[in-house]
Amino acid sequence: MNPSGGQTRSLGAASLVGIGVGLGALGLYVVAGFLVANWSLDDFLAHLSVGVLEALILAGSAAVACFAVPVAAYLRFRVVSPLAVLAVIIVGWVGYGATTGVLTSQTVFGLAVYAVYLVPLYLLLFAVAGGAEYYAHR
């Protein structure tokens, strides 16, 4: 089941690597928020509630999935198109922020919240592009 003939990984290994990449991206986002945007841990903890924690877990899981799915698809099936779609999404959001003037060290983190809202659409695009590529090379 390998369209390009290269070595593939098992589904479990590909998924774990994809989740690791997603967690790494989420970790970089949080660290950059504290270093670049001067987020306050005390302010965060002061406003932390069960509802906020639930929302953070949901948004974090969506963000991790946004990176994990294309990476796992590449490692398992050697389809590149989901990675290309992810690159277009990232460049598109950065381009949107730059052209509208909202790409500053403070507002780029707010822009990422809007990007997370569209993760279900991204997952659909990953599936369509990856499925089409897999079918074309099969």
C-alpha atoms as a PDB file:
ATOM      1  CA  MET A   1       0.000   0.000   0.000  1.00  0.00           C
ATOM      2  CA  ASN A   2       2.737   2.440  -0.864  1.00  0.00           C
ATOM      3  CA  PRO A   3       2.198   4.686  -3.882  1.00  0.00           C
ATOM      4  CA  SER A   4       5.805   5.833  -4.226  1.00  0.00           C
ATOM      5  CA  GLY A   5       7.550   2.559  -3.460  1.00  0.00           C
ATOM      6  CA  GLY A   6       9.502   3.909  -0.450  1.00  0.00           C
ATOM      7  CA  GLN A   7       9.519   2.464   3.037  1.00  0.00           C
ATOM      8  CA  THR A   8       6.467   3.285   5.142  1.00  0.00           C
ATOM      9  CA  ARG A   9       5.917   3.159   8.892  1.00  0.00           C
ATOM     10  CA  SER A  10       3.237   1.319  10.764  1.00  0.00           C
ATOM     11  CA  LEU A  11       0.053   3.225  11.527  1.00  0.00           C
ATOM     12  CA  GLY A  12       0.929   3.381  15.229  1.00  0.00           C
ATOM     13  CA  ALA A  13       4.452   4.705  14.651  1.00  0.00           C
ATOM     14  CA  ALA A  14       3.281   7.231  12.053  1.00  0.00           C
ATOM     15  CA  SER A  15       0.534   8.434  14.400  1.00  0.00           C
ATOM     16  CA  LEU A  16       2.926   8.811  17.327  1.00  0.00           C
ATOM     17  CA  VAL A  17       5.401  10.814  15.241  1.00  0.00           C
ATOM     18  CA  GLY A  18       2.568  12.982  13.904  1.00  0.00           C
ATOM     19  CA  ILE A  19       1.245  13.648  17.403  1.00  0.00           C
ATOM     20  CA  GLY A  20       4.784  14.455  18.546  1.00  0.00           C
ATOM     21  CA  VAL A  21       5.149  17.010  15.754  1.00  0.00           C
ATOM     22  CA  GLY A  22       1.757  18.492  16.650  1.00  0.00           C
ATOM     23  CA  LEU A  23       2.657  18.729  20.333  1.00  0.00           C
ATOM     24  CA  GLY A  24       5.983  20.309  19.376  1.00  0.00           C
ATOM     25  CA  ALA A  25       4.189  22.944  17.287  1.00  0.00           C
ATOM     26  CA  LEU A  26       1.758  23.631  20.126  1.00  0.00           C
ATOM     27  CA  GLY A  27       4.646  23.863  22.595  1.00  0.00           C
ATOM     28  CA  LEU A  28       6.485  26.343  20.373  1.00  0.00           C
ATOM     29  CA  TYR A  29       3.310  28.420  20.138  1.00  0.00           C
ATOM     30  CA  VAL A  30       2.957  28.562  23.939  1.00  0.00           C
ATOM     31  CA  VAL A  31       6.644  29.303  24.560  1.00  0.00           C
ATOM     32  CA  ALA A  32       6.592  32.022  21.896  1.00  0.00           C
ATOM     33  CA  GLY A  33       3.491  33.491  23.530  1.00  0.00           C
ATOM     34  CA  PHE A  34       5.321  33.849  26.836  1.00  0.00           C
ATOM     35  CA  LEU A  35       8.543  35.149  25.264  1.00  0.00           C
ATOM     36  CA  VAL A  36       7.269  37.302  22.387  1.00  0.00           C
ATOM     37  CA  ALA A  37       3.777  38.385  23.387  1.00  0.00           C
ATOM     38  CA  ASN A  38       4.577  38.705  27.100  1.00  0.00           C
ATOM     39  CA  TRP A  39       1.784  36.423  28.252  1.00  0.00           C
ATOM     40  CA  SER A  40       1.404  36.374  32.008  1.00  0.00           C
ATOM     41  CA  LEU A  41       1.208  33.038  33.783  1.00  0.00           C
ATOM     42  CA  ASP A  42      -0.285  34.723  36.854  1.00  0.00           C
ATOM     43  CA  ASP A  43      -3.026  36.308  34.726  1.00  0.00           C
ATOM     44  CA  PHE A  44      -3.691  32.979  33.037  1.00  0.00           C
ATOM     45  CA  LEU A  45      -3.977  31.117  36.336  1.00  0.00           C
ATOM     46  CA  ALA A  46      -6.214  33.848  37.791  1.00  0.00           C
ATOM     47  CA  HIS A  47      -8.762  33.321  34.997  1.00  0.00           C
ATOM     48  CA  LEU A  48      -8.481  29.535  34.798  1.00  0.00           C
ATOM     49  CA  SER A  49     -11.764  27.693  35.270  1.00  0.00           C
ATOM     50  CA  VAL A  50     -13.166  24.337  34.229  1.00  0.00           C
ATOM     51  CA  GLY A  51     -14.772  25.898  31.156  1.00  0.00           C
ATOM     52  CA  VAL A  52     -11.548  27.602  30.122  1.00  0.00           C
ATOM     53  CA  LEU A  53      -9.591  24.389  30.667  1.00  0.00           C
ATOM     54  CA  GLU A  54     -12.082  22.444  28.536  1.00  0.00           C
ATOM     55  CA  ALA A  55     -11.798  25.016  25.738  1.00  0.00           C
ATOM     56  CA  LEU A  56      -7.998  24.919  25.903  1.00  0.00           C
ATOM     57  CA  ILE A  57      -7.941  21.123  25.707  1.00  0.00           C
ATOM     58  CA  LEU A  58     -10.308  21.160  22.722  1.00  0.00           C
ATOM     59  CA  ALA A  59      -8.370  23.886  20.882  1.00  0.00           C
ATOM     60  CA  GLY A  60      -5.033  22.253  21.698  1.00  0.00           C
ATOM     61  CA  SER A  61      -6.250  18.885  20.438  1.00  0.00           C
ATOM     62  CA  ALA A  62      -7.459  20.484  17.206  1.00  0.00           C
ATOM     63  CA  ALA A  63      -4.133  22.246  16.727  1.00  0.00           C
ATOM     64  CA  VAL A  64      -2.207  19.020  17.325  1.00  0.00           C
ATOM     65  CA  ALA A  65      -4.442  17.160  14.856  1.00  0.00           C
ATOM     66  CA  CYS A  66      -3.842  19.855  12.252  1.00  0.00           C
ATOM     67  CA  PHE A  67      -0.137  18.980  12.260  1.00  0.00           C
ATOM     68  CA  ALA A  68      -0.390  15.282  13.153  1.00  0.00           C
ATOM     69  CA  VAL A  69      -2.627  14.163  10.299  1.00  0.00           C
ATOM     70  CA  PRO A  70      -0.450  15.347   7.377  1.00  0.00           C
ATOM     71  CA  VAL A  71       2.746  14.070   9.006  1.00  0.00           C
ATOM     72  CA  ALA A  72       1.215  10.676   9.791  1.00  0.00           C
ATOM     73  CA  ALA A  73      -0.264  10.443   6.275  1.00  0.00           C
ATOM     74  CA  TYR A  74       3.153  11.066   4.774  1.00  0.00           C
ATOM     75  CA  LEU A  75       4.921   8.560   7.015  1.00  0.00           C
ATOM     76  CA  ARG A  76       2.277   5.861   6.554  1.00  0.00           C
ATOM     77  CA  PHE A  77       1.235   6.281   2.919  1.00  0.00           C
ATOM     78  CA  ARG A  78       3.959   8.552   1.475  1.00  0.00           C
ATOM     79  CA  VAL A  79       1.398  11.102   0.276  1.00  0.00           C
ATOM     80  CA  VAL A  80       2.820  14.608   0.148  1.00  0.00           C
ATOM     81  CA  SER A  81      -0.302  16.597  -0.702  1.00  0.00           C
ATOM     82  CA  PRO A  82      -1.576  16.929   2.918  1.00  0.00           C
ATOM     83  CA  LEU A  83       1.796  18.461   3.860  1.00  0.00           C
ATOM     84  CA  ALA A  84       1.491  20.815   0.887  1.00  0.00           C
ATOM     85  CA  VAL A  85      -2.028  21.785   1.991  1.00  0.00           C
ATOM     86  CA  LEU A  86      -0.706  22.465   5.514  1.00  0.00           C
ATOM     87  CA  ALA A  87       2.053  24.679   4.085  1.00  0.00           C
ATOM     88  CA  VAL A  88      -0.490  26.598   2.001  1.00  0.00           C
ATOM     89  CA  ILE A  89      -2.680  27.062   5.085  1.00  0.00           C
ATOM     90  CA  ILE A  90       0.212  28.416   7.174  1.00  0.00           C
ATOM     91  CA  VAL A  91       1.493  30.701   4.409  1.00  0.00           C
ATOM     92  CA  GLY A  92      -2.085  31.800   3.706  1.00  0.00           C
ATOM     93  CA  TRP A  93      -2.733  32.838   7.305  1.00  0.00           C
ATOM     94  CA  VAL A  94       0.607  34.636   7.549  1.00  0.00           C
ATOM     95  CA  GLY A  95      -0.091  36.361   4.233  1.00  0.00           C
ATOM     96  CA  TYR A  96      -3.567  37.354   5.380  1.00  0.00           C
ATOM     97  CA  GLY A  97      -2.164  38.792   8.585  1.00  0.00           C
ATOM     98  CA  ALA A  98       0.566  40.679   6.741  1.00  0.00           C
ATOM     99  CA  THR A  99      -1.738  42.179   4.105  1.00  0.00           C
ATOM    100  CA  THR A 100      -4.393  43.249   6.602  1.00  0.00           C
ATOM    101  CA  GLY A 101      -1.873  44.734   9.016  1.00  0.00           C
ATOM    102  CA  VAL A 102      -2.700  42.473  11.944  1.00  0.00           C
ATOM    103  CA  LEU A 103       0.584  40.574  11.913  1.00  0.00           C
ATOM    104  CA  THR A 104       2.333  41.940  14.979  1.00  0.00           C
ATOM    105  CA  SER A 105       3.984  40.138  17.852  1.00  0.00           C
ATOM    106  CA  GLN A 106       0.823  40.589  19.913  1.00  0.00           C
ATOM    107  CA  THR A 107      -1.918  39.895  17.372  1.00  0.00           C
ATOM    108  CA  VAL A 108      -0.406  36.911  15.564  1.00  0.00           C
ATOM    109  CA  PHE A 109      -1.448  34.757  18.517  1.00  0.00           C
ATOM    110  CA  GLY A 110      -5.040  35.956  18.252  1.00  0.00           C
ATOM    111  CA  LEU A 111      -4.971  35.219  14.524  1.00  0.00           C
ATOM    112  CA  ALA A 112      -3.998  31.637  15.345  1.00  0.00           C
ATOM    113  CA  VAL A 113      -7.227  31.269  17.329  1.00  0.00           C
ATOM    114  CA  TYR A 114      -9.209  31.991  14.162  1.00  0.00           C
ATOM    115  CA  ALA A 115      -7.067  29.456  12.286  1.00  0.00           C
ATOM    116  CA  VAL A 116      -7.901  26.776  14.861  1.00  0.00           C
ATOM    117  CA  TYR A 117     -11.625  27.336  14.287  1.00  0.00           C
ATOM    118  CA  LEU A 118     -11.148  26.076  10.725  1.00  0.00           C
ATOM    119  CA  VAL A 119      -9.349  22.825  11.624  1.00  0.00           C
ATOM    120  CA  PRO A 120     -12.329  20.644  10.560  1.00  0.00           C
ATOM    121  CA  LEU A 121     -12.082  22.192   7.085  1.00  0.00           C
ATOM    122  CA  TYR A 122      -8.326  21.579   7.038  1.00  0.00           C
ATOM    123  CA  LEU A 123      -8.840  17.927   7.974  1.00  0.00           C
ATOM    124  CA  LEU A 124     -11.333  17.583   5.122  1.00  0.00           C
ATOM    125  CA  LEU A 125      -8.834  19.161   2.712  1.00  0.00           C
ATOM    126  CA  PHE A 126      -6.098  16.807   3.960  1.00  0.00           C
ATOM    127  CA  ALA A 127      -8.356  13.792   3.379  1.00  0.00           C
ATOM    128  CA  VAL A 128      -9.425  14.878  -0.104  1.00  0.00           C
ATOM    129  CA  ALA A 129      -5.916  15.816  -1.264  1.00  0.00           C
ATOM    130  CA  GLY A 130      -4.273  12.778   0.307  1.00  0.00           C
ATOM    131  CA  GLY A 131      -6.955  10.406  -0.943  1.00  0.00           C
ATOM    132  CA  ALA A 132      -6.715  11.786  -4.468  1.00  0.00           C
ATOM    133  CA  GLU A 133      -2.928  11.479  -4.458  1.00  0.00           C
ATOM    134  CA  TYR A 134      -3.037   7.969  -3.028  1.00  0.00           C
ATOM    135  CA  TYR A 135      -5.623   6.897  -5.590  1.00  0.00           C
ATOM    136  CA  ALA A 136      -3.670   8.493  -8.459  1.00  0.00           C
ATOM    137  CA  HIS A 137      -0.469   6.649  -7.511  1.00  0.00           C
ATOM    138  CA  ARG A 138      -2.126   3.348  -6.733  1.00  0.00           C
END
